[in-house]
Amino acid sequence: MTTAAVNSRSAPRLPLWSKLVYTAFVAVLVPHYWQAYGPTNFLYFCDIALLLTCVAMWRESAVLASACAVGILLPQCLWMVDFLGTWVGLPITGMTGYMFQDAIPLFARFLSFFHFWLPLVLIWLVVRLGYDRRGLWVWWALGWAAMWVSYLFLPLPPAPASNPGLPVNVNYVFGINDKAPQTWMSPHLFFGAMLVALPLMIWMPTHLVLKRFARSSRG
């Protein structure tokens, strides 16, 4: 192997400033979310991806960045579209309506805005580091683990009036509504359907698109 090849492989592929800025944001968000919502909030897919991306950036790990991209690109792009639609008065799903509620502190909404820019960061990371196909299996394991913990140990919706910020129905394991659990099928059947639906409808399609259009990290 030539000296140039060795140097190109050992040289940082991500600028130091990007790692420092991202880490500073995470260092502010984590204690705030821990105090405001509790540690179970970090079982949400988006929060798992936020923390794992920090590790991916410092390690310049294509497999970790790819795993996060597989897991959240599609749903977070929907968040982005709904935010822009709500901003101009044309909400798509209503999921980002809270971002425009003056009753919620501006600082809290600023932190939550990571849902908008994190997909862009992940696309940038996949471009810089390449896409590692093992990311699908890494996220599949993480996603299922988070879903099982959410289903077995976390509360059903709604959040109690005494603690409205308590995470409930984490990762939608009890239904698609945070106001009440779904009632149109057995809870176990719904959870089983979610275990199958998320890989087939979100993770696998994202994997196939990235595999088709992104440069392979092993290439």
C-alpha atoms as a PDB file:
ATOM      1  CA  MET A   1       0.000   0.000   0.000  1.00  0.00           C
ATOM      2  CA  THR A   2       1.370   3.413  -0.929  1.00  0.00           C
ATOM      3  CA  THR A   3       2.087   6.173   1.594  1.00  0.00           C
ATOM      4  CA  ALA A   4      -0.643   8.307   0.028  1.00  0.00           C
ATOM      5  CA  ALA A   5      -3.184   5.518   0.469  1.00  0.00           C
ATOM      6  CA  VAL A   6      -2.194   5.046   4.110  1.00  0.00           C
ATOM      7  CA  ASN A   7      -2.465   8.778   4.772  1.00  0.00           C
ATOM      8  CA  SER A   8      -5.856   9.006   3.053  1.00  0.00           C
ATOM      9  CA  ARG A   9      -7.246   6.198   5.199  1.00  0.00           C
ATOM     10  CA  SER A  10      -5.851   7.599   8.466  1.00  0.00           C
ATOM     11  CA  ALA A  11      -6.796  11.226   7.832  1.00  0.00           C
ATOM     12  CA  PRO A  12     -10.017  12.401   9.522  1.00  0.00           C
ATOM     13  CA  ARG A  13     -12.987  12.296   7.179  1.00  0.00           C
ATOM     14  CA  LEU A  14     -15.094  14.611   9.334  1.00  0.00           C
ATOM     15  CA  PRO A  15     -14.004  18.102  10.383  1.00  0.00           C
ATOM     16  CA  LEU A  16     -13.294  18.549  14.079  1.00  0.00           C
ATOM     17  CA  TRP A  17     -15.648  21.520  14.363  1.00  0.00           C
ATOM     18  CA  SER A  18     -18.621  19.367  13.330  1.00  0.00           C
ATOM     19  CA  LYS A  19     -17.873  16.856  16.072  1.00  0.00           C
ATOM     20  CA  LEU A  20     -17.479  19.595  18.679  1.00  0.00           C
ATOM     21  CA  VAL A  21     -20.668  21.433  17.730  1.00  0.00           C
ATOM     22  CA  TYR A  22     -22.706  18.233  17.659  1.00  0.00           C
ATOM     23  CA  THR A  23     -21.291  17.083  20.998  1.00  0.00           C
ATOM     24  CA  ALA A  24     -21.986  20.465  22.598  1.00  0.00           C
ATOM     25  CA  PHE A  25     -25.623  20.258  21.513  1.00  0.00           C
ATOM     26  CA  VAL A  26     -25.977  16.726  22.905  1.00  0.00           C
ATOM     27  CA  ALA A  27     -24.314  17.836  26.150  1.00  0.00           C
ATOM     28  CA  VAL A  28     -27.001  20.495  26.561  1.00  0.00           C
ATOM     29  CA  LEU A  29     -29.942  18.336  25.466  1.00  0.00           C
ATOM     30  CA  VAL A  30     -29.275  15.229  27.555  1.00  0.00           C
ATOM     31  CA  PRO A  31     -29.435  16.779  31.042  1.00  0.00           C
ATOM     32  CA  HIS A  32     -32.409  18.931  30.062  1.00  0.00           C
ATOM     33  CA  TYR A  33     -34.382  15.987  28.675  1.00  0.00           C
ATOM     34  CA  TRP A  34     -33.365  13.796  31.631  1.00  0.00           C
ATOM     35  CA  GLN A  35     -34.748  16.344  34.081  1.00  0.00           C
ATOM     36  CA  ALA A  36     -37.820  17.285  32.056  1.00  0.00           C
ATOM     37  CA  TYR A  37     -38.918  13.856  30.808  1.00  0.00           C
ATOM     38  CA  GLY A  38     -36.852  11.230  32.607  1.00  0.00           C
ATOM     39  CA  PRO A  39     -34.393   8.630  31.302  1.00  0.00           C
ATOM     40  CA  THR A  40     -37.042   6.604  29.473  1.00  0.00           C
ATOM     41  CA  ASN A  41     -37.302   9.419  26.944  1.00  0.00           C
ATOM     42  CA  PHE A  42     -34.019   8.186  25.456  1.00  0.00           C
ATOM     43  CA  LEU A  43     -35.722   4.987  24.293  1.00  0.00           C
ATOM     44  CA  TYR A  44     -37.409   6.886  21.468  1.00  0.00           C
ATOM     45  CA  PHE A  45     -35.867   5.965  18.124  1.00  0.00           C
ATOM     46  CA  CYS A  46     -35.008   9.590  17.382  1.00  0.00           C
ATOM     47  CA  ASP A  47     -33.180  10.004  20.696  1.00  0.00           C
ATOM     48  CA  ILE A  48     -31.307   6.734  20.231  1.00  0.00           C
ATOM     49  CA  ALA A  49     -30.196   7.968  16.825  1.00  0.00           C
ATOM     50  CA  LEU A  50     -29.206  11.358  18.223  1.00  0.00           C
ATOM     51  CA  LEU A  51     -26.882   9.785  20.800  1.00  0.00           C
ATOM     52  CA  LEU A  52     -25.567   7.062  18.500  1.00  0.00           C
ATOM     53  CA  THR A  53     -24.742   9.640  15.829  1.00  0.00           C
ATOM     54  CA  CYS A  54     -22.478  11.404  18.306  1.00  0.00           C
ATOM     55  CA  VAL A  55     -20.521   8.174  18.739  1.00  0.00           C
ATOM     56  CA  ALA A  56     -20.524   7.625  14.974  1.00  0.00           C
ATOM     57  CA  MET A  57     -19.034  11.074  14.370  1.00  0.00           C
ATOM     58  CA  TRP A  58     -16.166  10.695  16.823  1.00  0.00           C
ATOM     59  CA  ARG A  59     -15.383   7.162  15.667  1.00  0.00           C
ATOM     60  CA  GLU A  60     -16.100   8.075  12.046  1.00  0.00           C
ATOM     61  CA  SER A  61     -18.074   4.845  11.962  1.00  0.00           C
ATOM     62  CA  ALA A  62     -19.937   4.205   8.743  1.00  0.00           C
ATOM     63  CA  VAL A  63     -21.871   1.303  10.262  1.00  0.00           C
ATOM     64  CA  LEU A  64     -23.237   3.395  13.166  1.00  0.00           C
ATOM     65  CA  ALA A  65     -24.099   6.340  10.925  1.00  0.00           C
ATOM     66  CA  SER A  66     -25.768   3.942   8.478  1.00  0.00           C
ATOM     67  CA  ALA A  67     -27.764   2.322  11.279  1.00  0.00           C
ATOM     68  CA  CYS A  68     -29.147   5.687  12.390  1.00  0.00           C
ATOM     69  CA  ALA A  69     -29.971   6.619   8.809  1.00  0.00           C
ATOM     70  CA  VAL A  70     -31.875   3.365   8.290  1.00  0.00           C
ATOM     71  CA  GLY A  71     -33.835   3.878  11.473  1.00  0.00           C
ATOM     72  CA  ILE A  72     -34.983   7.473  11.294  1.00  0.00           C
ATOM     73  CA  LEU A  73     -34.503   9.033   7.855  1.00  0.00           C
ATOM     74  CA  LEU A  74     -37.994   8.231   6.611  1.00  0.00           C
ATOM     75  CA  PRO A  75     -40.023   9.172   9.722  1.00  0.00           C
ATOM     76  CA  GLN A  76     -37.904  12.253  10.410  1.00  0.00           C
ATOM     77  CA  CYS A  77     -38.323  13.439   6.824  1.00  0.00           C
ATOM     78  CA  LEU A  78     -42.057  13.264   7.496  1.00  0.00           C
ATOM     79  CA  TRP A  79     -41.419  15.400  10.598  1.00  0.00           C
ATOM     80  CA  MET A  80     -39.571  17.915   8.428  1.00  0.00           C
ATOM     81  CA  VAL A  81     -42.389  18.068   5.885  1.00  0.00           C
ATOM     82  CA  ASP A  82     -45.024  18.461   8.584  1.00  0.00           C
ATOM     83  CA  PHE A  83     -43.013  21.220  10.269  1.00  0.00           C
ATOM     84  CA  LEU A  84     -42.706  23.177   7.030  1.00  0.00           C
ATOM     85  CA  GLY A  85     -46.365  22.577   6.252  1.00  0.00           C
ATOM     86  CA  THR A  86     -47.455  23.703   9.706  1.00  0.00           C
ATOM     87  CA  TRP A  87     -45.240  26.764   9.381  1.00  0.00           C
ATOM     88  CA  VAL A  88     -47.186  27.887   6.291  1.00  0.00           C
ATOM     89  CA  GLY A  89     -50.563  26.807   7.675  1.00  0.00           C
ATOM     90  CA  LEU A  90     -50.809  23.460   5.873  1.00  0.00           C
ATOM     91  CA  PRO A  91     -50.010  20.746   8.420  1.00  0.00           C
ATOM     92  CA  ILE A  92     -49.659  17.210   7.076  1.00  0.00           C
ATOM     93  CA  THR A  93     -49.995  15.074  10.200  1.00  0.00           C
ATOM     94  CA  GLY A  94     -50.057  17.600  13.025  1.00  0.00           C
ATOM     95  CA  MET A  95     -47.112  15.927  14.760  1.00  0.00           C
ATOM     96  CA  THR A  96     -45.144  19.177  14.882  1.00  0.00           C
ATOM     97  CA  GLY A  97     -47.941  21.410  16.114  1.00  0.00           C
ATOM     98  CA  TYR A  98     -46.252  21.674  19.509  1.00  0.00           C
ATOM     99  CA  MET A  99     -43.330  23.492  17.898  1.00  0.00           C
ATOM    100  CA  PHE A 100     -45.599  26.492  17.347  1.00  0.00           C
ATOM    101  CA  GLN A 101     -47.238  26.577  20.787  1.00  0.00           C
ATOM    102  CA  ASP A 102     -46.166  29.600  22.804  1.00  0.00           C
ATOM    103  CA  ALA A 103     -47.040  27.747  26.018  1.00  0.00           C
ATOM    104  CA  ILE A 104     -43.995  25.510  25.430  1.00  0.00           C
ATOM    105  CA  PRO A 105     -40.725  27.287  26.310  1.00  0.00           C
ATOM    106  CA  LEU A 106     -38.742  28.433  23.313  1.00  0.00           C
ATOM    107  CA  PHE A 107     -35.634  26.657  24.610  1.00  0.00           C
ATOM    108  CA  ALA A 108     -37.472  23.323  24.701  1.00  0.00           C
ATOM    109  CA  ARG A 109     -38.656  23.854  21.141  1.00  0.00           C
ATOM    110  CA  PHE A 110     -35.137  24.787  20.075  1.00  0.00           C
ATOM    111  CA  LEU A 111     -33.824  21.488  21.418  1.00  0.00           C
ATOM    112  CA  SER A 112     -36.639  19.549  19.754  1.00  0.00           C
ATOM    113  CA  PHE A 113     -35.698  21.094  16.426  1.00  0.00           C
ATOM    114  CA  PHE A 114     -33.009  18.416  16.159  1.00  0.00           C
ATOM    115  CA  HIS A 115     -35.731  16.294  14.546  1.00  0.00           C
ATOM    116  CA  PHE A 116     -35.452  18.618  11.552  1.00  0.00           C
ATOM    117  CA  TRP A 117     -31.694  18.789  11.095  1.00  0.00           C
ATOM    118  CA  LEU A 118     -30.608  15.321  12.250  1.00  0.00           C
ATOM    119  CA  PRO A 119     -31.722  13.629   8.987  1.00  0.00           C
ATOM    120  CA  LEU A 120     -29.613  16.155   7.071  1.00  0.00           C
ATOM    121  CA  VAL A 121     -26.616  15.379   9.272  1.00  0.00           C
ATOM    122  CA  LEU A 122     -27.081  11.663   8.681  1.00  0.00           C
ATOM    123  CA  ILE A 123     -27.252  12.121   4.920  1.00  0.00           C
ATOM    124  CA  TRP A 124     -24.036  14.142   5.121  1.00  0.00           C
ATOM    125  CA  LEU A 125     -22.385  11.421   7.197  1.00  0.00           C
ATOM    126  CA  VAL A 126     -23.407   8.700   4.756  1.00  0.00           C
ATOM    127  CA  VAL A 127     -21.995  10.783   1.916  1.00  0.00           C
ATOM    128  CA  ARG A 128     -18.715  11.366   3.743  1.00  0.00           C
ATOM    129  CA  LEU A 129     -18.273   7.932   5.323  1.00  0.00           C
ATOM    130  CA  GLY A 130     -20.142   5.746   2.858  1.00  0.00           C
ATOM    131  CA  TYR A 131     -23.068   3.442   3.504  1.00  0.00           C
ATOM    132  CA  ASP A 132     -22.402   0.225   5.405  1.00  0.00           C
ATOM    133  CA  ARG A 133     -25.035  -2.441   4.730  1.00  0.00           C
ATOM    134  CA  ARG A 134     -24.554  -3.867   8.211  1.00  0.00           C
ATOM    135  CA  GLY A 135     -26.293  -0.744   9.498  1.00  0.00           C
ATOM    136  CA  LEU A 136     -29.664  -2.343   8.768  1.00  0.00           C
ATOM    137  CA  TRP A 137     -28.974  -5.246  11.133  1.00  0.00           C
ATOM    138  CA  VAL A 138     -27.504  -3.005  13.813  1.00  0.00           C
ATOM    139  CA  TRP A 139     -30.594  -0.810  13.783  1.00  0.00           C
ATOM    140  CA  TRP A 140     -32.928  -3.794  13.569  1.00  0.00           C
ATOM    141  CA  ALA A 141     -31.433  -5.157  16.807  1.00  0.00           C
ATOM    142  CA  LEU A 142     -31.505  -1.770  18.532  1.00  0.00           C
ATOM    143  CA  GLY A 143     -34.999  -0.958  17.327  1.00  0.00           C
ATOM    144  CA  TRP A 144     -36.502  -4.237  18.436  1.00  0.00           C
ATOM    145  CA  ALA A 145     -34.753  -4.008  21.793  1.00  0.00           C
ATOM    146  CA  ALA A 146     -36.153  -0.507  22.368  1.00  0.00           C
ATOM    147  CA  MET A 147     -39.627  -1.671  21.341  1.00  0.00           C
ATOM    148  CA  TRP A 148     -39.576  -4.651  23.706  1.00  0.00           C
ATOM    149  CA  VAL A 149     -38.483  -2.478  26.630  1.00  0.00           C
ATOM    150  CA  SER A 150     -41.147   0.099  25.748  1.00  0.00           C
ATOM    151  CA  TYR A 151     -43.851  -2.562  25.562  1.00  0.00           C
ATOM    152  CA  LEU A 152     -42.904  -4.504  28.672  1.00  0.00           C
ATOM    153  CA  PHE A 153     -41.884  -1.759  31.067  1.00  0.00           C
ATOM    154  CA  LEU A 154     -43.129   1.689  29.980  1.00  0.00           C
ATOM    155  CA  PRO A 155     -46.630   3.080  30.604  1.00  0.00           C
ATOM    156  CA  LEU A 156     -49.567   3.070  28.251  1.00  0.00           C
ATOM    157  CA  PRO A 157     -51.036   6.391  27.153  1.00  0.00           C
ATOM    158  CA  PRO A 158     -52.194   8.864  28.261  1.00  0.00           C
ATOM    159  CA  ALA A 159     -49.583  10.588  30.407  1.00  0.00           C
ATOM    160  CA  PRO A 160     -50.825  11.260  33.942  1.00  0.00           C
ATOM    161  CA  ALA A 161     -52.086  14.750  34.714  1.00  0.00           C
ATOM    162  CA  SER A 162     -49.549  14.966  37.531  1.00  0.00           C
ATOM    163  CA  ASN A 163     -46.683  14.353  35.090  1.00  0.00           C
ATOM    164  CA  PRO A 164     -47.739  15.365  31.562  1.00  0.00           C
ATOM    165  CA  GLY A 165     -44.174  15.130  30.263  1.00  0.00           C
ATOM    166  CA  LEU A 166     -43.829  11.442  31.146  1.00  0.00           C
ATOM    167  CA  PRO A 167     -43.001   9.412  28.020  1.00  0.00           C
ATOM    168  CA  VAL A 168     -45.884   7.070  27.216  1.00  0.00           C
ATOM    169  CA  ASN A 169     -46.542   4.848  24.228  1.00  0.00           C
ATOM    170  CA  VAL A 170     -42.846   5.105  23.401  1.00  0.00           C
ATOM    171  CA  ASN A 171     -42.175   4.097  19.785  1.00  0.00           C
ATOM    172  CA  TYR A 172     -45.948   3.626  19.310  1.00  0.00           C
ATOM    173  CA  VAL A 173     -45.974   0.108  20.730  1.00  0.00           C
ATOM    174  CA  PHE A 174     -49.492   0.618  22.136  1.00  0.00           C
ATOM    175  CA  GLY A 175     -51.068   2.413  19.176  1.00  0.00           C
ATOM    176  CA  ILE A 176     -50.612   5.427  16.954  1.00  0.00           C
ATOM    177  CA  ASN A 177     -52.237   7.851  19.391  1.00  0.00           C
ATOM    178  CA  ASP A 178     -50.606   9.169  22.542  1.00  0.00           C
ATOM    179  CA  LYS A 179     -53.998  10.001  24.021  1.00  0.00           C
ATOM    180  CA  ALA A 180     -55.140   6.406  24.450  1.00  0.00           C
ATOM    181  CA  PRO A 181     -54.021   2.876  23.488  1.00  0.00           C
ATOM    182  CA  GLN A 182     -55.520   1.328  20.380  1.00  0.00           C
ATOM    183  CA  THR A 183     -58.553  -0.907  20.958  1.00  0.00           C
ATOM    184  CA  TRP A 184     -59.251  -2.427  17.535  1.00  0.00           C
ATOM    185  CA  MET A 185     -57.065  -5.502  18.111  1.00  0.00           C
ATOM    186  CA  SER A 186     -55.306  -7.378  20.890  1.00  0.00           C
ATOM    187  CA  PRO A 187     -52.395  -5.375  22.389  1.00  0.00           C
ATOM    188  CA  HIS A 188     -50.081  -8.346  21.820  1.00  0.00           C
ATOM    189  CA  LEU A 189     -51.212  -8.665  18.217  1.00  0.00           C
ATOM    190  CA  PHE A 190     -50.704  -4.960  17.576  1.00  0.00           C
ATOM    191  CA  PHE A 191     -47.234  -5.076  19.082  1.00  0.00           C
ATOM    192  CA  GLY A 192     -46.359  -8.094  16.963  1.00  0.00           C
ATOM    193  CA  ALA A 193     -47.616  -6.291  13.878  1.00  0.00           C
ATOM    194  CA  MET A 194     -45.412  -3.303  14.721  1.00  0.00           C
ATOM    195  CA  LEU A 195     -42.376  -5.561  15.094  1.00  0.00           C
ATOM    196  CA  VAL A 196     -42.960  -6.705  11.529  1.00  0.00           C
ATOM    197  CA  ALA A 197     -44.247  -3.491   9.979  1.00  0.00           C
ATOM    198  CA  LEU A 198     -41.398  -1.173  10.954  1.00  0.00           C
ATOM    199  CA  PRO A 199     -38.647  -3.288   9.346  1.00  0.00           C
ATOM    200  CA  LEU A 200     -40.711  -4.010   6.239  1.00  0.00           C
ATOM    201  CA  MET A 201     -42.200  -0.549   5.692  1.00  0.00           C
ATOM    202  CA  ILE A 202     -39.482   1.802   6.987  1.00  0.00           C
ATOM    203  CA  TRP A 203     -36.098   0.251   7.737  1.00  0.00           C
ATOM    204  CA  MET A 204     -35.771  -2.103   4.778  1.00  0.00           C
ATOM    205  CA  PRO A 205     -36.940   0.404   2.129  1.00  0.00           C
ATOM    206  CA  THR A 206     -34.540   3.015   3.499  1.00  0.00           C
ATOM    207  CA  HIS A 207     -31.752   0.445   3.431  1.00  0.00           C
ATOM    208  CA  LEU A 208     -32.495  -0.424  -0.187  1.00  0.00           C
ATOM    209  CA  VAL A 209     -32.478   3.230  -1.256  1.00  0.00           C
ATOM    210  CA  LEU A 210     -29.206   3.945   0.531  1.00  0.00           C
ATOM    211  CA  LYS A 211     -27.631   0.771  -0.829  1.00  0.00           C
ATOM    212  CA  ARG A 212     -28.680   1.769  -4.332  1.00  0.00           C
ATOM    213  CA  PHE A 213     -27.651   5.424  -4.331  1.00  0.00           C
ATOM    214  CA  ALA A 214     -24.952   5.852  -1.654  1.00  0.00           C
ATOM    215  CA  ARG A 215     -21.321   4.963  -2.022  1.00  0.00           C
ATOM    216  CA  SER A 216     -20.438   1.774  -0.192  1.00  0.00           C
ATOM    217  CA  SER A 217     -18.181   2.286   2.820  1.00  0.00           C
ATOM    218  CA  ARG A 218     -16.318  -0.831   1.765  1.00  0.00           C
ATOM    219  CA  GLY A 219     -15.744   0.384  -1.750  1.00  0.00           C
END
